Each structure stands twice: as C-alpha cells, then as structure tokens.
Amino acid sequence: MMRKTTTAALGAAAILALGLAGCTQGAPAESAGAGSSESGKVAEASAPAPAPFDQDGVKIAIVQQSGQGDYFQQYLNGTRQQADALGVELSVFDAQGDNATQATQLDQAIASGVSGIIVRHGLPDTLCAGVNKAIDAGIVVAVYDVEIQQCAPESVQTQQSDALMASLVLDQMAKDIGTDAQVGYVNYDGIAPLDRRDVVWQQYVKDQGWDQKFKTGNFTNSSATDSAPMVTAAVQANAEITAIYSPYDEFAKGTLTGLDQVPGTEDILVYGADISTADIELMTAEGSRWTATGATDPNAIGAAVMRTLALQMAGELEKSTVEFPPVLVTQEMLREKKITNMDDLRAAQPELNISEVSGSDWIPVVSF
C-alpha cells in the first residue's frame, strides 16, 4: 500500500510562512531526527480494513490553529505516524495562530478532495460554518479541543479530560501552599481546553481561599515569548505571591522566563499543564520553580484522534465524544526516578500510552 504524507501550502505568502515554521512542526513520520518526531511502535492489524480504507488514495487533512510549541509539534507527529500506518495521504494546514486564516484553510481543505478532516483548536465562531459545510459535503470531521458540537452536532468531539488535568495539579498546589495564599494566574479566555481548566481553577480559588492577585498571558503563535514580559510586570506589582498556575506548557515556560527577570522570586512555585522532553528538562533543572504539571502524551493523542476519525469514516465509532485521561507529573517524581525525557516518563507512567483508545482489529495502532 502506498503511504504518503503531504503538506498543503496555500498561496505564496503561506508557502513562505510554512517554510519558515517548518522546523517547529515536526518531520514526516518516515523521517528520523528531531525530538518532535519520536518514532512510535506499530501493532499490525489482524483483520482486513473496511471501506474506505480497503483502497489506496484515501485523503485526510488536519486544519490546525497553530503548529508552534512542544505540545502541538508532538501532536502533529503522532497524527502523521498514525496516518502513515493507515496508509492515508495527510495534508497539513497550519494557520499559525490566525483564526481567520484557519477558517479559510478549512474551506481549502474541503475543496481539496479529502474524505476526512481533523480540526485542531480554534474558535467556534470562525469554524462552525466550515465544519458544517464539510459535513454537508459528505466529509467526516473530528474536532480536537474546540467546543463545536452545539453548532455542528454531527462532528466528533475529541479532547483531553481537562477538568481532571486541572484538578490533579491544583490538588498538588493546595497541598504545597495551603489555604489563604496569594497566587497568580496565567491563562487566556476563549480557547476551549483553557476555558475548561479555568472553571476548575475558579472553584479551587474559592474553596482554598486563595487571593488571586493577577491574571495575565496571551495565546499567540509564540505564547511563551509573548507572555513572559506580561508575567514580569504582574509579578513586579505583586511580589507577595507564593505560586502561579499556568495551565498550558507554553504559558509555564513564559512564566519561568518572566520570573527570571524579577529578583527575589526564587521561592515562587509554578504549576502547569502538558509535558514534553523540553518541559521535563525545565522541571528538573537546578533551582526550577516548575513543581507539577497535568499531562497526556501529545504524540499518543494525535494518533488516537486520527484513529477516532478513521473509525467514524468506517461507520464504526459508537460515541460522539472521546476523552483522553491525564496523569500528574511532579518535579519530585521526575528527579527521584531520574527521568530526563518522554521515553523515561512513558516507562515510569505507562498509563500515558492510550493505544487502547479508538482501536480496532483492522487498525494498525501506533503507540509511543
């Protein structure tokens, strides 16, 4: 079976932009090298594939709001490797943080002749019309971390268990800092997973009697870089805080950089979300403030969402929402077990491997 991975570049400006960003998006599944292109293991299928996967030439697109950052690079890597194992042609549309561009690229994906589309992150206001247009055209759509089912009920919703992810970390934060503490918050409104984590945060602030001194942060194609000076300014104005919750690893990175610019903040603890080899290095570095994170393996999730789409395309998916459970990762555990990379972490916490999610005997499942 021919296996091919392609990247859609739309217009001269988009071609230039994708070329400049290519090093951050991970390499095709068949390539070796960068940490964002970790090679998964493929369990061969034990049964013949149903239509449309019993024929060559199945085309699928992923339309992503941004490919920048460790999490998104790993996610795309898992998506590519599972697409390759299924023998489908994958086109990648990367809006690089521009919501209007994502809507345009969704239209272009529909026009490109694909049978299935993964829509990854973005805003319902700019995506609902395109998702419904795709479904009306007979294209199967799976969305990841976009609250879209109210306006596009025939799409398949996939997401991390964000409430549990937040609770795992905030339980640890409450254990570490106690009640009635002064705290900071780095987050951004309007992004589905961040909004779900925010609901949990607000409840913990209330229940623990925490005094939230500031909320800052910006979700962009360079969230860590753009949020760092905002954190610096907020902390300079609120030096009495004892901890900061930053529920996205790019926000946590920006928080660490921002704190580094403020003398006397060495004891402020940082609690985050997501995990990568780069995040592990930051958490275990000498003097690191990053104390705990709630995490899934983005590689495994990218592969699982591709499998979910494939099951729906084959008419075999039995539910409209698929969630992926997170784990708690602490700095103490990483140091105690001498974990330095994602492979070490997977060995220590095998529940990160969600190869059983959206599996079937005809699917060659990629696991990490």
Protein backbone atom coordinates (compact mmCIF):
# COMPACT_ATOMS: atom_id res chain seq x y z
CA MET A 1 0.00 0.00 0.00
CA MET A 2 1.35 3.40 -0.91
CA ARG A 3 1.88 5.66 2.06
CA LYS A 4 2.37 9.35 1.60
CA THR A 5 2.39 12.44 3.80
CA THR A 6 1.98 15.85 2.18
CA THR A 7 1.80 19.42 3.45
CA ALA A 8 -0.66 21.90 1.97
CA ALA A 9 0.81 25.32 1.34
CA LEU A 10 -1.70 27.84 0.17
CA GLY A 11 -0.54 30.88 -1.77
CA ALA A 12 2.90 32.41 -1.94
CA ALA A 13 2.72 34.00 1.48
CA ALA A 14 1.57 30.77 3.08
CA ILE A 15 4.34 28.84 1.36
CA LEU A 16 6.92 31.24 2.78
CA ALA A 17 5.36 31.15 6.24
CA LEU A 18 5.23 27.37 6.34
CA GLY A 19 8.81 27.21 5.16
CA LEU A 20 9.90 29.47 7.97
CA ALA A 21 7.91 27.48 10.53
CA GLY A 22 8.73 24.03 9.20
CA CYS A 23 11.35 23.30 11.84
CA THR A 24 8.73 23.70 14.57
CA GLN A 25 6.10 21.42 13.06
CA GLY A 26 7.92 18.10 13.31
CA ALA A 27 9.10 15.92 10.45
CA PRO A 28 7.05 13.42 8.43
CA ALA A 29 6.58 10.07 10.12
CA GLU A 30 9.13 8.33 7.93
CA SER A 31 11.87 10.82 8.84
CA ALA A 32 14.22 10.49 11.78
CA GLY A 33 15.81 13.13 13.93
CA ALA A 34 14.09 15.86 15.92
CA GLY A 35 12.57 15.23 19.34
CA SER A 36 9.18 16.23 17.95
CA SER A 37 9.43 13.26 15.55
CA GLU A 38 9.65 10.45 18.08
CA SER A 39 9.12 7.11 16.40
CA GLY A 40 6.14 5.11 17.60
CA LYS A 41 5.63 1.35 17.54
CA VAL A 42 3.07 -0.04 15.11
CA ALA A 43 0.93 -3.04 16.07
CA GLU A 44 -0.05 -4.63 12.79
CA ALA A 45 -3.73 -5.08 12.00
CA SER A 46 -5.21 -8.56 12.36
CA ALA A 47 -8.26 -8.05 10.13
CA PRO A 48 -8.88 -6.55 6.68
CA ALA A 49 -9.73 -2.86 6.61
CA PRO A 50 -13.29 -1.78 5.75
CA ALA A 51 -14.17 0.88 3.20
CA PRO A 52 -12.80 3.40 2.52
CA PHE A 53 -9.51 2.08 3.93
CA ASP A 54 -9.58 -1.07 1.80
CA GLN A 55 -8.42 1.06 -1.13
CA ASP A 56 -5.38 3.27 -1.74
CA GLY A 57 -5.70 7.01 -2.09
CA VAL A 58 -7.75 7.96 1.00
CA LYS A 59 -7.06 11.63 1.72
CA ILE A 60 -7.34 13.29 5.13
CA ALA A 61 -6.49 16.85 6.21
CA ILE A 62 -5.64 18.34 9.57
CA VAL A 63 -6.51 22.03 9.89
CA GLN A 64 -4.69 23.34 12.94
CA GLN A 65 -4.91 26.73 14.60
CA SER A 66 -1.17 26.69 15.33
CA GLY A 67 1.69 24.24 14.94
CA GLN A 68 4.06 26.16 17.22
CA GLY A 69 5.17 24.82 20.60
CA ASP A 70 6.22 21.44 22.01
CA TYR A 71 2.70 20.16 22.54
CA PHE A 72 1.49 20.90 19.02
CA GLN A 73 4.65 19.55 17.40
CA GLN A 74 4.28 16.26 19.25
CA TYR A 75 0.55 16.10 18.46
CA LEU A 76 1.21 16.51 14.73
CA ASN A 77 3.95 13.89 14.90
CA GLY A 78 1.51 11.34 16.33
CA THR A 79 -1.10 12.30 13.76
CA ARG A 80 1.35 11.82 10.90
CA GLN A 81 2.59 8.47 12.13
CA GLN A 82 -0.93 7.07 12.57
CA ALA A 83 -1.91 8.38 9.13
CA ASP A 84 1.14 6.67 7.66
CA ALA A 85 0.24 3.39 9.40
CA LEU A 86 -3.29 3.60 7.99
CA GLY A 87 -1.90 4.23 4.51
CA VAL A 88 -3.68 7.55 4.01
CA GLU A 89 -2.45 10.77 2.42
CA LEU A 90 -2.31 13.51 5.07
CA SER A 91 -2.36 17.22 4.24
CA VAL A 92 -1.41 19.70 6.97
CA PHE A 93 -2.91 23.20 7.07
CA ASP A 94 -1.33 25.44 9.72
CA ALA A 95 -2.97 28.83 10.37
CA GLN A 96 -0.06 29.87 12.62
CA GLY A 97 -2.34 31.39 15.22
CA ASP A 98 -4.62 33.32 12.86
CA ASN A 99 -8.26 32.30 13.31
CA ALA A 100 -9.46 33.87 10.05
CA THR A 101 -6.73 32.02 8.17
CA GLN A 102 -7.84 28.76 9.81
CA ALA A 103 -11.38 29.29 8.54
CA THR A 104 -10.04 29.94 5.04
CA GLN A 105 -7.82 26.89 5.19
CA LEU A 106 -10.78 24.76 6.30
CA ASP A 107 -12.59 25.81 3.12
CA GLN A 108 -9.49 24.95 1.11
CA ALA A 109 -9.24 21.54 2.76
CA ILE A 110 -12.88 20.85 1.85
CA ALA A 111 -12.16 21.77 -1.76
CA SER A 112 -9.06 19.55 -1.92
CA GLY A 113 -10.98 16.30 -2.19
CA VAL A 114 -10.41 14.82 1.25
CA SER A 115 -12.69 12.24 2.86
CA GLY A 116 -11.96 13.28 6.45
CA ILE A 117 -10.78 16.37 8.33
CA ILE A 118 -9.32 16.86 11.79
CA VAL A 119 -9.88 20.40 13.09
CA ARG A 120 -7.42 21.07 15.89
CA HIS A 121 -8.02 24.01 18.24
CA GLY A 122 -9.50 27.33 17.15
CA LEU A 123 -12.73 29.24 17.82
CA PRO A 124 -16.29 28.04 17.21
CA ASP A 125 -17.28 31.40 15.70
CA THR A 126 -14.77 31.01 12.88
CA LEU A 127 -15.05 27.24 12.41
CA CYS A 128 -18.72 26.21 12.75
CA ALA A 129 -19.73 27.25 9.23
CA GLY A 130 -16.81 25.40 7.66
CA VAL A 131 -17.32 22.25 9.74
CA ASN A 132 -20.98 22.10 8.73
CA LYS A 133 -20.04 22.77 5.10
CA ALA A 134 -17.65 19.82 5.23
CA ILE A 135 -20.25 17.52 6.79
CA ASP A 136 -22.86 18.59 4.21
CA ALA A 137 -20.33 17.65 1.52
CA GLY A 138 -20.05 14.14 2.96
CA ILE A 139 -16.70 14.72 4.68
CA VAL A 140 -16.26 13.22 8.17
CA VAL A 141 -14.99 15.78 10.70
CA ALA A 142 -13.34 15.17 14.06
CA VAL A 143 -12.54 18.23 16.17
CA TYR A 144 -9.96 18.38 18.92
CA ASP A 145 -10.34 20.89 21.75
CA VAL A 146 -12.94 23.08 20.03
CA GLU A 147 -16.37 23.44 21.68
CA ILE A 148 -18.28 22.99 18.45
CA GLN A 149 -20.88 20.26 18.87
CA GLN A 150 -23.71 22.65 19.72
CA CYS A 151 -23.37 24.36 16.36
CA ALA A 152 -22.08 21.30 14.46
CA PRO A 153 -23.68 18.29 16.19
CA GLU A 154 -22.65 15.78 13.51
CA SER A 155 -18.95 16.35 14.17
CA VAL A 156 -16.99 14.09 16.50
CA GLN A 157 -15.61 15.81 19.62
CA THR A 158 -12.23 14.71 20.99
CA GLN A 159 -10.46 16.28 23.95
CA GLN A 160 -8.26 15.77 26.96
CA SER A 161 -10.05 15.38 30.27
CA ASP A 162 -9.24 18.99 31.10
CA ALA A 163 -11.19 19.17 34.36
CA LEU A 164 -9.28 16.17 35.71
CA MET A 165 -5.99 17.59 34.41
CA ALA A 166 -6.58 20.82 36.30
CA SER A 167 -7.77 19.04 39.45
CA LEU A 168 -4.70 16.80 39.62
CA VAL A 169 -2.36 19.80 39.55
CA LEU A 170 -4.42 22.04 41.79
CA ASP A 171 -4.72 19.30 44.41
CA GLN A 172 -0.92 19.25 44.48
CA MET A 173 -0.78 23.04 44.61
CA ALA A 174 -3.21 23.11 47.54
CA LYS A 175 -1.12 20.50 49.33
CA ASP A 176 2.04 22.57 48.79
CA ILE A 177 0.86 26.11 49.58
CA GLY A 178 -2.18 25.55 51.81
CA THR A 179 -5.18 27.82 52.11
CA ASP A 180 -5.48 31.63 52.03
CA ALA A 181 -2.35 32.05 49.91
CA GLN A 182 -1.75 34.88 47.46
CA VAL A 183 -1.43 33.49 43.95
CA GLY A 184 -1.04 34.47 40.31
CA TYR A 185 -2.72 33.11 37.20
CA VAL A 186 -1.51 32.93 33.58
CA ASN A 187 -4.27 31.99 31.14
CA TYR A 188 -6.28 33.24 28.18
CA ASP A 189 -10.03 33.25 27.56
CA GLY A 190 -11.75 31.75 24.53
CA ILE A 191 -9.65 28.60 23.96
CA ALA A 192 -11.75 25.54 24.78
CA PRO A 193 -9.26 23.48 26.88
CA LEU A 194 -8.05 26.59 28.71
CA ASP A 195 -11.64 27.60 29.44
CA ARG A 196 -12.38 24.15 30.88
CA ARG A 197 -9.31 24.38 33.11
CA ASP A 198 -10.36 27.88 34.14
CA VAL A 199 -13.67 26.59 35.52
CA VAL A 200 -11.76 24.25 37.84
CA TRP A 201 -9.31 26.99 38.81
CA GLN A 202 -12.09 29.34 39.84
CA GLN A 203 -13.57 26.66 42.10
CA TYR A 204 -10.23 25.95 43.76
CA VAL A 205 -9.61 29.66 44.34
CA LYS A 206 -12.96 29.82 46.11
CA ASP A 207 -12.59 26.58 48.08
CA GLN A 208 -9.00 27.23 49.16
CA GLY A 209 -9.49 30.89 49.95
CA TRP A 210 -6.70 31.86 47.58
CA ASP A 211 -6.28 35.54 46.78
CA GLN A 212 -5.73 35.82 43.02
CA LYS A 213 -3.57 38.93 42.62
CA PHE A 214 -3.43 38.93 38.82
CA LYS A 215 -4.43 37.18 35.63
CA THR A 216 -2.23 37.67 32.57
CA GLY A 217 -0.94 35.86 29.47
CA ASN A 218 -1.52 35.86 25.73
CA PHE A 219 -2.33 32.94 23.42
CA THR A 220 -0.43 33.51 20.18
CA ASN A 221 1.83 31.61 17.81
CA SER A 222 4.60 32.49 20.31
CA SER A 223 2.74 32.22 23.60
CA ALA A 224 5.80 31.70 25.82
CA THR A 225 7.71 34.65 24.38
CA ASP A 226 4.70 36.96 24.33
CA SER A 227 3.52 36.06 27.84
CA ALA A 228 6.90 36.36 29.59
CA PRO A 229 7.03 40.20 29.84
CA MET A 230 3.42 40.23 30.97
CA VAL A 231 4.32 37.87 33.82
CA THR A 232 7.32 40.00 34.72
CA ALA A 233 5.16 43.12 35.03
CA ALA A 234 2.45 41.30 37.02
CA VAL A 235 4.92 39.79 39.48
CA GLN A 236 6.76 43.08 39.97
CA ALA A 237 3.44 44.59 41.04
CA ASN A 238 2.55 41.62 43.25
CA ALA A 239 5.77 40.37 44.81
CA GLU A 240 3.92 38.75 47.73
CA ILE A 241 2.51 35.83 45.72
CA THR A 242 3.62 32.30 46.60
CA ALA A 243 2.55 30.36 43.48
CA ILE A 244 1.37 30.76 39.88
CA TYR A 245 -0.94 28.46 37.92
CA SER A 246 -0.16 28.40 34.18
CA PRO A 247 -2.36 25.70 32.59
CA TYR A 248 -0.52 25.30 29.26
CA ASP A 249 3.16 24.45 28.92
CA GLU A 250 3.92 27.47 26.73
CA PHE A 251 2.40 29.64 29.48
CA ALA A 252 4.51 27.80 32.07
CA LYS A 253 7.64 28.47 30.02
CA GLY A 254 6.69 32.13 29.71
CA THR A 255 6.07 32.24 33.46
CA LEU A 256 9.52 30.83 34.22
CA THR A 257 11.17 33.34 31.86
CA GLY A 258 9.15 36.19 33.31
CA LEU A 259 10.05 35.24 36.88
CA ASP A 260 13.72 35.08 35.98
CA GLN A 261 13.59 38.82 35.33
CA VAL A 262 12.40 39.59 38.87
CA PRO A 263 14.97 39.20 41.69
CA GLY A 264 13.74 37.57 44.86
CA THR A 265 11.17 35.30 43.18
CA GLU A 266 13.14 32.08 43.54
CA ASP A 267 10.62 30.62 46.01
CA ILE A 268 7.52 31.22 43.86
CA LEU A 269 6.19 27.84 42.74
CA VAL A 270 4.83 27.25 39.22
CA TYR A 271 2.11 24.73 38.34
CA GLY A 272 1.39 23.94 34.73
CA ALA A 273 -0.11 21.59 32.15
CA ASP A 274 1.27 19.40 29.33
CA ILE A 275 4.62 17.65 29.09
CA SER A 276 7.47 17.18 26.62
CA THR A 277 11.16 16.36 26.83
CA ALA A 278 11.87 20.11 26.87
CA ASP A 279 9.36 20.56 29.71
CA ILE A 280 10.98 17.74 31.67
CA GLU A 281 14.36 19.45 31.31
CA LEU A 282 12.87 22.69 32.62
CA MET A 283 11.13 20.98 35.56
CA THR A 284 14.24 19.07 36.67
CA ALA A 285 16.77 21.89 36.20
CA GLU A 286 18.56 23.01 39.34
CA GLY A 287 16.51 25.62 41.15
CA SER A 288 13.48 25.12 38.87
CA ARG A 289 10.23 26.63 40.13
CA TRP A 290 8.06 24.34 37.95
CA THR A 291 6.69 21.98 40.60
CA ALA A 292 3.94 19.94 38.93
CA THR A 293 2.07 19.55 35.67
CA GLY A 294 -1.01 17.68 34.48
CA ALA A 295 -0.23 15.86 31.29
CA THR A 296 -1.05 13.49 28.49
CA ASP A 297 1.34 12.29 25.78
CA PRO A 298 0.58 14.57 22.81
CA ASN A 299 2.08 12.04 20.38
CA ALA A 300 -0.36 9.39 21.62
CA ILE A 301 -3.29 11.80 21.46
CA GLY A 302 -2.51 12.86 17.90
CA ALA A 303 -2.51 9.19 16.91
CA ALA A 304 -5.72 8.48 18.86
CA VAL A 305 -7.61 11.35 17.22
CA MET A 306 -6.59 10.03 13.80
CA ARG A 307 -7.88 6.58 14.80
CA THR A 308 -11.12 8.14 16.05
CA LEU A 309 -11.63 9.85 12.69
CA ALA A 310 -10.87 6.60 10.88
CA LEU A 311 -13.46 4.69 12.94
CA GLN A 312 -16.09 7.33 12.16
CA MET A 313 -15.21 7.21 8.45
CA ALA A 314 -15.69 3.44 8.56
CA GLY A 315 -19.03 3.81 10.36
CA GLU A 316 -17.74 2.04 13.48
CA LEU A 317 -17.45 4.81 16.09
CA GLU A 318 -20.09 4.26 18.76
CA LYS A 319 -19.92 7.61 20.56
CA SER A 320 -19.78 11.26 19.59
CA THR A 321 -17.24 12.36 22.24
CA VAL A 322 -13.89 10.74 23.04
CA GLU A 323 -11.80 11.91 26.02
CA PHE A 324 -8.19 11.16 26.89
CA PRO A 325 -7.22 10.85 30.58
CA PRO A 326 -4.24 12.79 32.01
CA VAL A 327 -1.71 11.98 34.74
CA LEU A 328 0.03 14.09 37.38
CA VAL A 329 3.75 14.65 36.85
CA THR A 330 5.70 16.22 39.72
CA GLN A 331 9.20 17.61 39.84
CA GLU A 332 9.89 15.38 42.84
CA MET A 333 8.94 12.23 40.91
CA LEU A 334 10.97 13.21 37.85
CA ARG A 335 14.09 13.79 39.94
CA GLU A 336 13.60 10.73 42.14
CA LYS A 337 13.25 8.41 39.12
CA LYS A 338 15.93 10.24 37.13
CA ILE A 339 13.52 10.89 34.27
CA THR A 340 15.11 13.04 31.57
CA ASN A 341 12.88 12.55 28.52
CA MET A 342 9.49 11.35 27.31
CA ASP A 343 10.63 7.75 26.88
CA ASP A 344 11.68 7.65 30.54
CA LEU A 345 8.34 9.15 31.54
CA ARG A 346 6.35 6.64 29.48
CA ALA A 347 8.23 3.82 31.18
CA ALA A 348 7.50 5.29 34.61
CA GLN A 349 3.86 6.11 33.84
CA PRO A 350 2.64 3.60 31.23
CA GLU A 351 -0.91 4.96 31.52
CA LEU A 352 0.26 7.71 29.14
CA ASN A 353 0.03 5.06 26.42
CA ILE A 354 -3.59 5.24 25.26
CA SER A 355 -3.24 2.77 22.40
CA GLU A 356 -6.45 1.05 23.50
CA VAL A 357 -8.48 4.22 22.82
CA SER A 358 -10.30 4.13 19.46
CA GLY A 359 -8.69 0.88 18.45
CA SER A 360 -9.94 -1.91 16.20
CA ASP A 361 -8.55 -5.16 14.85
CA TRP A 362 -8.26 -3.60 11.38
CA ILE A 363 -6.33 -0.53 12.58
CA PRO A 364 -2.51 -0.75 12.78
CA VAL A 365 -2.27 1.13 16.09
CA VAL A 366 0.68 3.45 16.68
CA SER A 367 1.80 3.68 20.30
CA PHE A 368 4.62 5.61 21.96
